Amino acid sequence: MRVIDRIRIPTLIITADDDPFVPTEPFHDPRLTANEHITLRITHHGGHCGFVADSTGEGDGYWAEEQVVGFARECAR
């Protein structure tokens, strides 16, 4: 958090309210939320590394990985 306001490249942060190791409170800090270079996604569930979704004909269930790929595509435009 000491340098969060200095981030100047597109950054994606994915975290969950039910993460047993990393609390979400710091992610609500105005220095982070006001930084236009940071995209923050806080989910209700996901634990520490369990960001999955149902496998469908359109997706394979790897929700977090899909978010990263979509974010990278948006940044490349």
PDB file of N, CA and C in Angstrom:
ATOM      1  N   MET A   1       0.818  -1.198   0.000  1.00  0.00           N
ATOM      2  CA  MET A   1       0.000   0.000   0.000  1.00  0.00           C
ATOM      3  C   MET A   1       0.863   1.263   0.000  1.00  0.00           C
ATOM      4  N   ARG A   2       2.133   1.129   0.348  1.00  0.00           N
ATOM      5  CA  ARG A   2       2.998   2.315   0.360  1.00  0.00           C
ATOM      6  C   ARG A   2       3.184   2.900  -1.030  1.00  0.00           C
ATOM      7  N   VAL A   3       3.042   2.086  -2.067  1.00  0.00           N
ATOM      8  CA  VAL A   3       3.300   2.563  -3.422  1.00  0.00           C
ATOM      9  C   VAL A   3       2.076   2.454  -4.338  1.00  0.00           C
ATOM     10  N   ILE A   4       0.943   2.081  -3.802  1.00  0.00           N
ATOM     11  CA  ILE A   4      -0.233   1.804  -4.629  1.00  0.00           C
ATOM     12  C   ILE A   4      -0.661   3.017  -5.452  1.00  0.00           C
ATOM     13  N   ASP A   5      -0.457   4.197  -4.942  1.00  0.00           N
ATOM     14  CA  ASP A   5      -0.855   5.400  -5.681  1.00  0.00           C
ATOM     15  C   ASP A   5       0.130   5.746  -6.801  1.00  0.00           C
ATOM     16  N   ARG A   6       1.252   5.027  -6.861  1.00  0.00           N
ATOM     17  CA  ARG A   6       2.245   5.286  -7.910  1.00  0.00           C
ATOM     18  C   ARG A   6       2.153   4.305  -9.077  1.00  0.00           C
ATOM     19  N   ILE A   7       1.242   3.364  -9.007  1.00  0.00           N
ATOM     20  CA  ILE A   7       1.079   2.409 -10.113  1.00  0.00           C
ATOM     21  C   ILE A   7       0.564   3.161 -11.320  1.00  0.00           C
ATOM     22  N   ARG A   8       1.238   2.998 -12.451  1.00  0.00           N
ATOM     23  CA  ARG A   8       0.889   3.717 -13.678  1.00  0.00           C
ATOM     24  C   ARG A   8       0.700   2.790 -14.875  1.00  0.00           C
ATOM     25  N   ILE A   9       0.734   1.490 -14.650  1.00  0.00           N
ATOM     26  CA  ILE A   9       0.458   0.543 -15.724  1.00  0.00           C
ATOM     27  C   ILE A   9      -0.838  -0.187 -15.378  1.00  0.00           C
ATOM     28  N   PRO A  10      -1.598  -0.625 -16.368  1.00  0.00           N
ATOM     29  CA  PRO A  10      -2.843  -1.322 -16.074  1.00  0.00           C
ATOM     30  C   PRO A  10      -2.596  -2.518 -15.155  1.00  0.00           C
ATOM     31  N   THR A  11      -3.358  -2.570 -14.085  1.00  0.00           N
ATOM     32  CA  THR A  11      -3.183  -3.593 -13.066  1.00  0.00           C
ATOM     33  C   THR A  11      -4.535  -4.169 -12.699  1.00  0.00           C
ATOM     34  N   LEU A  12      -4.622  -5.478 -12.639  1.00  0.00           N
ATOM     35  CA  LEU A  12      -5.844  -6.167 -12.246  1.00  0.00           C
ATOM     36  C   LEU A  12      -5.611  -6.807 -10.894  1.00  0.00           C
ATOM     37  N   ILE A  13      -6.504  -6.534  -9.959  1.00  0.00           N
ATOM     38  CA  ILE A  13      -6.467  -7.168  -8.644  1.00  0.00           C
ATOM     39  C   ILE A  13      -7.749  -7.961  -8.490  1.00  0.00           C
ATOM     40  N   ILE A  14      -7.609  -9.252  -8.222  1.00  0.00           N
ATOM     41  CA  ILE A  14      -8.753 -10.123  -7.956  1.00  0.00           C
ATOM     42  C   ILE A  14      -8.586 -10.664  -6.546  1.00  0.00           C
ATOM     43  N   THR A  15      -9.616 -10.496  -5.733  1.00  0.00           N
ATOM     44  CA  THR A  15      -9.586 -11.010  -4.370  1.00  0.00           C
ATOM     45  C   THR A  15     -11.005 -11.374  -3.960  1.00  0.00           C
ATOM     46  N   ALA A  16     -11.133 -12.039  -2.825  1.00  0.00           N
ATOM     47  CA  ALA A  16     -12.449 -12.485  -2.371  1.00  0.00           C
ATOM     48  C   ALA A  16     -12.685 -12.102  -0.917  1.00  0.00           C
ATOM     49  N   ASP A  17     -13.942 -11.812  -0.618  1.00  0.00           N
ATOM     50  CA  ASP A  17     -14.313 -11.477   0.755  1.00  0.00           C
ATOM     51  C   ASP A  17     -14.041 -12.633   1.717  1.00  0.00           C
ATOM     52  N   ASP A  18     -14.097 -13.866   1.215  1.00  0.00           N
ATOM     53  CA  ASP A  18     -13.895 -15.013   2.105  1.00  0.00           C
ATOM     54  C   ASP A  18     -12.478 -15.582   2.051  1.00  0.00           C
ATOM     55  N   ASP A  19     -11.513 -14.783   1.601  1.00  0.00           N
ATOM     56  CA  ASP A  19     -10.118 -15.219   1.600  1.00  0.00           C
ATOM     57  C   ASP A  19      -9.650 -15.365   3.048  1.00  0.00           C
ATOM     58  N   PRO A  20      -9.203 -16.549   3.441  1.00  0.00           N
ATOM     59  CA  PRO A  20      -8.802 -16.742   4.838  1.00  0.00           C
ATOM     60  C   PRO A  20      -7.440 -16.144   5.190  1.00  0.00           C
ATOM     61  N   PHE A  21      -6.675 -15.720   4.187  1.00  0.00           N
ATOM     62  CA  PHE A  21      -5.327 -15.197   4.435  1.00  0.00           C
ATOM     63  C   PHE A  21      -5.191 -13.696   4.187  1.00  0.00           C
ATOM     64  N   VAL A  22      -5.914 -13.177   3.197  1.00  0.00           N
ATOM     65  CA  VAL A  22      -5.770 -11.777   2.800  1.00  0.00           C
ATOM     66  C   VAL A  22      -7.103 -11.066   3.001  1.00  0.00           C
ATOM     67  N   PRO A  23      -7.206 -10.220   4.015  1.00  0.00           N
ATOM     68  CA  PRO A  23      -8.460  -9.489   4.233  1.00  0.00           C
ATOM     69  C   PRO A  23      -8.699  -8.464   3.124  1.00  0.00           C
ATOM     70  N   THR A  24      -9.965  -8.178   2.833  1.00  0.00           N
ATOM     71  CA  THR A  24     -10.287  -7.245   1.746  1.00  0.00           C
ATOM     72  C   THR A  24     -10.297  -5.787   2.182  1.00  0.00           C
ATOM     73  N   GLU A  25     -10.264  -5.506   3.455  1.00  0.00           N
ATOM     74  CA  GLU A  25     -10.329  -4.120   3.916  1.00  0.00           C
ATOM     75  C   GLU A  25      -9.295  -3.215   3.266  1.00  0.00           C
ATOM     76  N   PRO A  26      -8.030  -3.621   3.146  1.00  0.00           N
ATOM     77  CA  PRO A  26      -7.043  -2.728   2.518  1.00  0.00           C
ATOM     78  C   PRO A  26      -7.367  -2.379   1.068  1.00  0.00           C
ATOM     79  N   PHE A  27      -8.121  -3.225   0.394  1.00  0.00           N
ATOM     80  CA  PHE A  27      -8.445  -2.971  -1.006  1.00  0.00           C
ATOM     81  C   PHE A  27      -9.482  -1.868  -1.177  1.00  0.00           C
ATOM     82  N   HIS A  28     -10.081  -1.437  -0.086  1.00  0.00           N
ATOM     83  CA  HIS A  28     -11.046  -0.332  -0.124  1.00  0.00           C
ATOM     84  C   HIS A  28     -10.386   1.014   0.161  1.00  0.00           C
ATOM     85  N   ASP A  29      -9.083   1.004   0.340  1.00  0.00           N
ATOM     86  CA  ASP A  29      -8.325   2.229   0.610  1.00  0.00           C
ATOM     87  C   ASP A  29      -8.482   3.199  -0.563  1.00  0.00           C
ATOM     88  N   PRO A  30      -8.796   4.469  -0.302  1.00  0.00           N
ATOM     89  CA  PRO A  30      -8.975   5.452  -1.371  1.00  0.00           C
ATOM     90  C   PRO A  30      -7.759   5.605  -2.287  1.00  0.00           C
ATOM     91  N   ARG A  31      -6.565   5.359  -1.786  1.00  0.00           N
ATOM     92  CA  ARG A  31      -5.376   5.437  -2.644  1.00  0.00           C
ATOM     93  C   ARG A  31      -5.432   4.378  -3.737  1.00  0.00           C
ATOM     94  N   LEU A  32      -6.036   3.251  -3.437  1.00  0.00           N
ATOM     95  CA  LEU A  32      -6.181   2.189  -4.431  1.00  0.00           C
ATOM     96  C   LEU A  32      -7.407   2.449  -5.303  1.00  0.00           C
ATOM     97  N   THR A  33      -8.534   2.712  -4.691  1.00  0.00           N
ATOM     98  CA  THR A  33      -9.778   2.859  -5.453  1.00  0.00           C
ATOM     99  C   THR A  33      -9.768   4.083  -6.359  1.00  0.00           C
ATOM    100  N   ALA A  34      -8.979   5.090  -6.034  1.00  0.00           N
ATOM    101  CA  ALA A  34      -8.915   6.298  -6.862  1.00  0.00           C
ATOM    102  C   ALA A  34      -7.909   6.174  -8.002  1.00  0.00           C
ATOM    103  N   ASN A  35      -7.106   5.122  -7.993  1.00  0.00           N
ATOM    104  CA  ASN A  35      -6.089   4.967  -9.024  1.00  0.00           C
ATOM    105  C   ASN A  35      -6.740   4.419 -10.289  1.00  0.00           C
ATOM    106  N   GLU A  36      -6.788   5.225 -11.328  1.00  0.00           N
ATOM    107  CA  GLU A  36      -7.450   4.848 -12.580  1.00  0.00           C
ATOM    108  C   GLU A  36      -6.740   3.723 -13.319  1.00  0.00           C
ATOM    109  N   HIS A  37      -5.544   3.383 -12.911  1.00  0.00           N
ATOM    110  CA  HIS A  37      -4.787   2.322 -13.569  1.00  0.00           C
ATOM    111  C   HIS A  37      -5.057   0.948 -12.962  1.00  0.00           C
ATOM    112  N   ILE A  38      -5.824   0.935 -11.871  1.00  0.00           N
ATOM    113  CA  ILE A  38      -6.101  -0.311 -11.171  1.00  0.00           C
ATOM    114  C   ILE A  38      -7.555  -0.715 -11.374  1.00  0.00           C
ATOM    115  N   THR A  39      -7.737  -1.952 -11.801  1.00  0.00           N
ATOM    116  CA  THR A  39      -9.064  -2.549 -11.882  1.00  0.00           C
ATOM    117  C   THR A  39      -9.168  -3.531 -10.728  1.00  0.00           C
ATOM    118  N   LEU A  40     -10.141  -3.324  -9.877  1.00  0.00           N
ATOM    119  CA  LEU A  40     -10.314  -4.137  -8.673  1.00  0.00           C
ATOM    120  C   LEU A  40     -11.578  -4.969  -8.797  1.00  0.00           C
ATOM    121  N   ARG A  41     -11.443  -6.266  -8.590  1.00  0.00           N
ATOM    122  CA  ARG A  41     -12.596  -7.165  -8.593  1.00  0.00           C
ATOM    123  C   ARG A  41     -12.592  -7.935  -7.282  1.00  0.00           C
ATOM    124  N   ILE A  42     -13.568  -7.615  -6.432  1.00  0.00           N
ATOM    125  CA  ILE A  42     -13.727  -8.329  -5.169  1.00  0.00           C
ATOM    126  C   ILE A  42     -14.982  -9.177  -5.275  1.00  0.00           C
ATOM    127  N   THR A  43     -14.816 -10.482  -5.145  1.00  0.00           N
ATOM    128  CA  THR A  43     -15.951 -11.391  -5.205  1.00  0.00           C
ATOM    129  C   THR A  43     -16.367 -11.770  -3.782  1.00  0.00           C
ATOM    130  N   HIS A  44     -17.583 -12.255  -3.644  1.00  0.00           N
ATOM    131  CA  HIS A  44     -18.044 -12.707  -2.322  1.00  0.00           C
ATOM    132  C   HIS A  44     -17.365 -14.022  -1.942  1.00  0.00           C
ATOM    133  N   HIS A  45     -17.182 -14.881  -2.938  1.00  0.00           N
ATOM    134  CA  HIS A  45     -16.593 -16.197  -2.701  1.00  0.00           C
ATOM    135  C   HIS A  45     -15.410 -16.398  -3.636  1.00  0.00           C
ATOM    136  N   GLY A  46     -14.520 -17.221  -3.231  1.00  0.00           N
ATOM    137  CA  GLY A  46     -13.339 -17.510  -4.027  1.00  0.00           C
ATOM    138  C   GLY A  46     -12.190 -17.960  -3.155  1.00  0.00           C
ATOM    139  N   GLY A  47     -12.359 -17.725  -1.847  1.00  0.00           N
ATOM    140  CA  GLY A  47     -11.301 -18.134  -0.946  1.00  0.00           C
ATOM    141  C   GLY A  47      -9.992 -17.483  -1.301  1.00  0.00           C
ATOM    142  N   HIS A  48      -8.931 -18.241  -1.170  1.00  0.00           N
ATOM    143  CA  HIS A  48      -7.618 -17.685  -1.479  1.00  0.00           C
ATOM    144  C   HIS A  48      -7.232 -17.931  -2.930  1.00  0.00           C
ATOM    145  N   CYS A  49      -7.647 -19.051  -3.479  1.00  0.00           N
ATOM    146  CA  CYS A  49      -7.280 -19.376  -4.867  1.00  0.00           C
ATOM    147  C   CYS A  49      -8.392 -20.125  -5.594  1.00  0.00           C
ATOM    148  N   GLY A  50      -9.617 -20.031  -5.130  1.00  0.00           N
ATOM    149  CA  GLY A  50     -10.682 -20.861  -5.678  1.00  0.00           C
ATOM    150  C   GLY A  50     -11.668 -20.130  -6.550  1.00  0.00           C
ATOM    151  N   PHE A  51     -11.202 -19.304  -7.444  1.00  0.00           N
ATOM    152  CA  PHE A  51     -12.088 -18.539  -8.316  1.00  0.00           C
ATOM    153  C   PHE A  51     -12.500 -19.408  -9.496  1.00  0.00           C
ATOM    154  N   VAL A  52     -13.556 -20.167  -9.296  1.00  0.00           N
ATOM    155  CA  VAL A  52     -14.042 -21.039 -10.360  1.00  0.00           C
ATOM    156  C   VAL A  52     -15.510 -20.760 -10.600  1.00  0.00           C
ATOM    157  N   ALA A  53     -15.980 -21.192 -11.732  1.00  0.00           N
ATOM    158  CA  ALA A  53     -17.388 -21.064 -12.096  1.00  0.00           C
ATOM    159  C   ALA A  53     -17.812 -22.379 -12.727  1.00  0.00           C
ATOM    160  N   ASP A  54     -19.091 -22.505 -12.974  1.00  0.00           N
ATOM    161  CA  ASP A  54     -19.576 -23.702 -13.640  1.00  0.00           C
ATOM    162  C   ASP A  54     -19.012 -23.782 -15.050  1.00  0.00           C
ATOM    163  N   SER A  55     -18.639 -24.975 -15.445  1.00  0.00           N
ATOM    164  CA  SER A  55     -18.193 -25.198 -16.810  1.00  0.00           C
ATOM    165  C   SER A  55     -19.418 -25.212 -17.712  1.00  0.00           C
ATOM    166  N   THR A  56     -19.378 -24.390 -18.743  1.00  0.00           N
ATOM    167  CA  THR A  56     -20.489 -24.303 -19.683  1.00  0.00           C
ATOM    168  C   THR A  56     -19.946 -24.479 -21.090  1.00  0.00           C
ATOM    169  N   GLY A  57     -20.832 -24.399 -22.068  1.00  0.00           N
ATOM    170  CA  GLY A  57     -20.389 -24.474 -23.451  1.00  0.00           C
ATOM    171  C   GLY A  57     -19.542 -23.287 -23.841  1.00  0.00           C
ATOM    172  N   GLU A  58     -19.656 -22.187 -23.093  1.00  0.00           N
ATOM    173  CA  GLU A  58     -18.890 -20.969 -23.403  1.00  0.00           C
ATOM    174  C   GLU A  58     -17.633 -20.822 -22.561  1.00  0.00           C
ATOM    175  N   GLY A  59     -17.620 -21.418 -21.401  1.00  0.00           N
ATOM    176  CA  GLY A  59     -16.464 -21.266 -20.520  1.00  0.00           C
ATOM    177  C   GLY A  59     -16.061 -22.589 -19.912  1.00  0.00           C
ATOM    178  N   ASP A  60     -14.828 -22.669 -19.469  1.00  0.00           N
ATOM    179  CA  ASP A  60     -14.312 -23.916 -18.910  1.00  0.00           C
ATOM    180  C   ASP A  60     -14.358 -23.962 -17.391  1.00  0.00           C
ATOM    181  N   GLY A  61     -14.881 -22.911 -16.758  1.00  0.00           N
ATOM    182  CA  GLY A  61     -14.981 -22.889 -15.313  1.00  0.00           C
ATOM    183  C   GLY A  61     -13.835 -22.189 -14.613  1.00  0.00           C
ATOM    184  N   TYR A  62     -12.807 -21.828 -15.352  1.00  0.00           N
ATOM    185  CA  TYR A  62     -11.657 -21.146 -14.751  1.00  0.00           C
ATOM    186  C   TYR A  62     -11.898 -19.642 -14.776  1.00  0.00           C
ATOM    187  N   TRP A  63     -12.714 -19.177 -13.857  1.00  0.00           N
ATOM    188  CA  TRP A  63     -13.184 -17.796 -13.846  1.00  0.00           C
ATOM    189  C   TRP A  63     -12.037 -16.792 -13.767  1.00  0.00           C
ATOM    190  N   ALA A  64     -11.126 -16.975 -12.823  1.00  0.00           N
ATOM    191  CA  ALA A  64     -10.042 -15.999 -12.639  1.00  0.00           C
ATOM    192  C   ALA A  64      -9.158 -15.911 -13.882  1.00  0.00           C
ATOM    193  N   GLU A  65      -8.864 -17.049 -14.466  1.00  0.00           N
ATOM    194  CA  GLU A  65      -8.033 -17.051 -15.667  1.00  0.00           C
ATOM    195  C   GLU A  65      -8.728 -16.319 -16.803  1.00  0.00           C
ATOM    196  N   GLU A  66     -10.052 -16.509 -16.919  1.00  0.00           N
ATOM    197  CA  GLU A  66     -10.814 -15.802 -17.945  1.00  0.00           C
ATOM    198  C   GLU A  66     -10.786 -14.298 -17.710  1.00  0.00           C
ATOM    199  N   GLN A  67     -10.821 -13.881 -16.452  1.00  0.00           N
ATOM    200  CA  GLN A  67     -10.745 -12.458 -16.128  1.00  0.00           C
ATOM    201  C   GLN A  67      -9.406 -11.865 -16.538  1.00  0.00           C
ATOM    202  N   VAL A  68      -8.337 -12.607 -16.294  1.00  0.00           N
ATOM    203  CA  VAL A  68      -6.995 -12.134 -16.648  1.00  0.00           C
ATOM    204  C   VAL A  68      -6.862 -12.001 -18.163  1.00  0.00           C
ATOM    205  N   VAL A  69      -7.331 -12.988 -18.899  1.00  0.00           N
ATOM    206  CA  VAL A  69      -7.243 -12.940 -20.359  1.00  0.00           C
ATOM    207  C   VAL A  69      -8.069 -11.776 -20.899  1.00  0.00           C
ATOM    208  N   GLY A  70      -9.290 -11.596 -20.383  1.00  0.00           N
ATOM    209  CA  GLY A  70     -10.119 -10.482 -20.822  1.00  0.00           C
ATOM    210  C   GLY A  70      -9.487  -9.135 -20.504  1.00  0.00           C
ATOM    211  N   PHE A  71      -8.884  -9.017 -19.345  1.00  0.00           N
ATOM    212  CA  PHE A  71      -8.209  -7.787 -18.946  1.00  0.00           C
ATOM    213  C   PHE A  71      -7.043  -7.493 -19.884  1.00  0.00           C
ATOM    214  N   ALA A  72      -6.262  -8.525 -20.194  1.00  0.00           N
ATOM    215  CA  ALA A  72      -5.121  -8.339 -21.104  1.00  0.00           C
ATOM    216  C   ALA A  72      -5.595  -7.915 -22.491  1.00  0.00           C
ATOM    217  N   ARG A  73      -6.683  -8.493 -22.943  1.00  0.00           N
ATOM    218  CA  ARG A  73      -7.223  -8.107 -24.258  1.00  0.00           C
ATOM    219  C   ARG A  73      -7.628  -6.641 -24.258  1.00  0.00           C
ATOM    220  N   GLU A  74      -8.287  -6.197 -23.202  1.00  0.00           N
ATOM    221  CA  GLU A  74      -8.712  -4.798 -23.108  1.00  0.00           C
ATOM    222  C   GLU A  74      -7.493  -3.865 -23.087  1.00  0.00           C
ATOM    223  N   CYS A  75      -6.455  -4.250 -22.402  1.00  0.00           N
ATOM    224  CA  CYS A  75      -5.250  -3.424 -22.317  1.00  0.00           C
ATOM    225  C   CYS A  75      -4.530  -3.327 -23.667  1.00  0.00           C
ATOM    226  N   ALA A  76      -4.657  -4.376 -24.472  1.00  0.00           N
ATOM    227  CA  ALA A  76      -3.957  -4.406 -25.762  1.00  0.00           C
ATOM    228  C   ALA A  76      -4.641  -3.536 -26.812  1.00  0.00           C
ATOM    229  N   ARG A  77      -5.850  -3.098 -26.546  1.00  0.00           N
ATOM    230  CA  ARG A  77      -6.572  -2.276 -27.524  1.00  0.00           C
ATOM    231  C   ARG A  77      -6.075  -0.873 -27.562  1.00  0.00           C
TER     232      ARG A  77
END
